[in-house]
Protein backbone atom coordinates (compact mmCIF):
# COMPACT_ATOMS: atom_id res chain seq x y z
CA MET A 1 148.12 -119.76 52.23
CA ALA A 2 145.10 -119.52 54.38
CA CYS A 3 141.86 -118.06 53.09
CA ARG A 4 140.13 -115.53 55.10
CA ARG A 5 136.42 -115.20 54.97
CA ARG A 6 134.97 -111.78 55.01
CA SER A 7 131.65 -111.34 56.66
CA VAL A 8 129.18 -108.94 55.21
CA ASP A 9 127.49 -106.80 57.80
CA ALA A 10 125.43 -103.63 57.63
CA ASP A 11 128.42 -101.40 58.28
CA ASN A 12 130.48 -102.65 55.36
CA ARG A 13 127.97 -102.30 52.53
CA ASN A 14 129.21 -100.69 49.39
CA GLY A 15 125.94 -99.38 48.12
CA GLY A 16 124.19 -96.74 50.32
CA TYR A 17 120.68 -97.20 51.69
CA THR A 18 118.16 -99.93 51.06
CA LEU A 19 114.79 -99.24 49.54
CA ARG A 20 113.13 -99.99 52.89
CA GLU A 21 115.22 -97.34 54.66
CA ILE A 22 114.41 -94.73 52.02
CA VAL A 23 110.68 -95.45 52.22
CA ILE A 24 110.75 -95.18 56.03
CA LEU A 25 112.66 -91.89 55.84
CA PHE A 26 110.18 -90.36 53.37
CA SER A 27 107.26 -91.58 55.48
CA ILE A 28 108.64 -89.86 58.56
CA ILE A 29 109.28 -86.64 56.62
CA ALA A 30 105.73 -86.71 55.18
CA VAL A 31 104.21 -87.09 58.66
CA LEU A 32 106.30 -84.20 60.02
CA VAL A 33 105.47 -81.91 57.08
CA SER A 34 101.73 -82.65 57.25
CA THR A 35 101.72 -82.01 61.01
CA PHE A 36 103.53 -78.71 60.48
CA PHE A 37 101.03 -77.55 57.85
CA ALA A 38 98.07 -78.58 60.00
CA ILE A 39 99.42 -76.53 62.90
CA MET A 40 100.24 -73.52 60.72
CA SER A 41 96.86 -73.45 58.97
CA GLY A 42 95.13 -73.13 62.33
CA LYS A 43 97.44 -70.31 63.34
CA GLN A 44 96.89 -68.50 60.04
CA ALA A 45 93.12 -68.52 60.64
CA GLY A 46 93.76 -67.01 64.08
CA TRP A 47 95.99 -64.34 62.57
CA ARG A 48 93.30 -63.49 60.00
CA ASP A 49 90.71 -63.22 62.80
CA ALA A 50 92.98 -60.89 64.77
CA THR A 51 93.34 -58.74 61.65
CA ARG A 52 89.55 -58.72 61.21
CA LEU A 53 89.02 -57.51 64.78
CA GLU A 54 91.62 -54.78 64.30
CA ASP A 55 90.00 -53.73 61.00
CA VAL A 56 86.60 -53.44 62.70
CA LYS A 57 88.14 -51.14 65.33
CA ILE A 58 89.58 -48.97 62.55
CA ILE A 59 86.19 -48.84 60.78
CA GLU A 60 84.42 -47.92 64.03
CA ASP A 61 86.93 -45.18 64.78
CA ALA A 62 86.33 -43.69 61.33
CA LEU A 63 82.55 -43.96 61.80
CA TYR A 64 82.71 -42.01 65.07
CA LYS A 65 84.86 -39.33 63.44
CA TYR A 66 82.24 -39.08 60.68
CA PHE A 67 79.50 -38.89 63.33
CA ALA A 68 81.35 -36.10 65.16
CA ARG A 69 81.39 -34.03 61.97
CA HIS A 70 77.92 -34.83 60.54
CA ARG A 71 75.91 -35.76 63.67
CA GLU A 72 74.82 -39.01 62.03
CA PHE A 73 76.34 -42.19 60.72
CA PRO A 74 76.30 -42.86 56.96
CA ILE A 75 72.85 -44.23 56.04
CA CYS A 76 72.93 -47.48 54.10
CA PRO A 77 71.07 -50.81 54.10
CA GLN A 78 73.15 -53.83 55.04
CA SER A 79 75.81 -54.35 52.40
CA PRO A 80 79.57 -54.80 52.05
CA ILE A 81 81.52 -51.79 53.29
CA GLU A 82 82.82 -51.01 49.82
CA ALA A 83 79.27 -50.06 48.81
CA CYS A 84 78.51 -47.88 51.84
CA LEU A 85 81.62 -46.53 53.44
CA GLN A 86 83.59 -45.10 50.53
CA ILE A 87 82.54 -41.74 51.99
CA LEU A 88 84.80 -42.39 54.99
CA GLN A 89 87.75 -42.61 52.66
CA ASP A 90 86.59 -39.66 50.54
CA GLU A 91 86.38 -37.43 53.63
CA GLY A 92 89.78 -38.57 54.96
CA PHE A 93 88.61 -40.64 57.93
CA LEU A 94 90.17 -43.76 56.38
CA THR A 95 93.21 -43.91 54.15
CA VAL A 96 91.93 -47.14 52.58
CA LEU A 97 88.86 -49.27 53.20
CA PRO A 98 89.95 -52.39 55.06
CA ARG A 99 89.51 -55.61 53.11
CA ASP A 100 89.13 -59.00 54.68
CA PRO A 101 92.54 -60.73 54.96
CA SER A 102 91.14 -63.95 53.52
CA MET A 103 91.25 -64.39 49.77
CA ARG A 104 88.38 -66.88 49.89
CA SER A 105 85.63 -64.56 48.84
CA ASN A 106 85.19 -62.08 46.06
CA THR A 107 83.45 -59.18 47.80
CA SER A 108 81.70 -58.13 44.60
CA ARG A 109 79.71 -61.39 44.67
CA ALA A 110 79.64 -62.20 48.38
CA ARG A 111 76.58 -61.32 50.42
CA CYS A 112 76.48 -60.34 54.05
CA GLN A 113 75.68 -63.20 56.44
CA ASP A 114 76.62 -65.95 53.93
CA ALA A 115 78.33 -68.68 55.93
CA ALA A 116 81.23 -68.90 53.48
CA ALA A 117 81.63 -65.14 52.99
CA TYR A 118 84.50 -63.33 54.64
CA LEU A 119 83.89 -59.60 54.33
CA TYR A 120 82.90 -56.61 56.41
CA CYS A 121 79.30 -55.45 56.19
CA TYR A 122 77.75 -52.20 57.35
CA GLU A 123 74.20 -51.15 58.08
CA SER A 124 72.60 -47.96 59.33
CA LEU A 125 68.98 -47.28 58.48
CA SER A 126 68.46 -44.21 60.66
CA GLY A 127 71.90 -42.65 60.99
CA ARG A 128 71.54 -42.79 64.80
CA ASP A 129 73.25 -46.15 65.17
CA TYR A 130 75.03 -48.66 62.99
CA GLY A 131 76.16 -52.24 62.82
CA VAL A 132 79.38 -53.63 61.39
CA THR A 133 79.21 -57.37 60.88
CA TYR A 134 82.11 -59.68 60.15
CA ASN A 135 82.75 -63.42 59.96
CA LEU A 136 85.42 -65.08 62.11
CA GLU A 137 87.02 -68.41 61.23
CA THR A 138 88.08 -69.54 64.71
CA ASP A 139 86.64 -69.51 68.19
CA ALA A 140 89.79 -67.97 69.67
CA VAL A 141 87.90 -64.93 70.97
CA GLY A 142 84.60 -66.71 71.56
CA LEU A 143 82.93 -65.20 68.50
CA LYS A 144 83.25 -67.78 65.69
CA GLY A 145 80.90 -67.04 62.80
CA TRP A 146 79.14 -63.77 62.06
CA SER A 147 79.44 -61.15 64.81
CA GLN A 148 78.22 -57.58 65.05
CA SER A 149 79.79 -54.53 66.55
CA GLY A 150 78.59 -50.98 67.06
CA PRO A 151 75.79 -49.30 69.05
CA ALA A 152 73.11 -51.39 67.30
CA ALA A 153 74.76 -54.57 68.64
CA LYS A 154 74.44 -53.40 72.24
CA HIS A 155 70.64 -53.03 72.28
């Protein structure tokens, strides 16, 4: 009776994957996941900025409706909109006061123009013009950082 020798090759293993293969697989998955999250975090900041710009348009529209009725803008030193523009909601020009889409700042403690603050601020000292300031996270629209809108910004 002749003995046959069986060769052991990679295709005839009985036991699954080697430790090296598992480590390589997890390394590849980790790189792909971290790349995905890096891409998505940048897009989320852009989405929040787009929401901020839309919110400012809504605030301005309500301010002009208020101006049409009262012949002046609400008078208030620079402060978060919650402190000054509740009147727009009370008179029906806004259903709700827009809040910044970022959860990074507590508007009760944040101050206008703080670099890390994400909130909407309003100022009108005379009632003839106003400024709405807001902080953008990205440079997608060429306005990264604090920007101002309204008639006071155009002078």
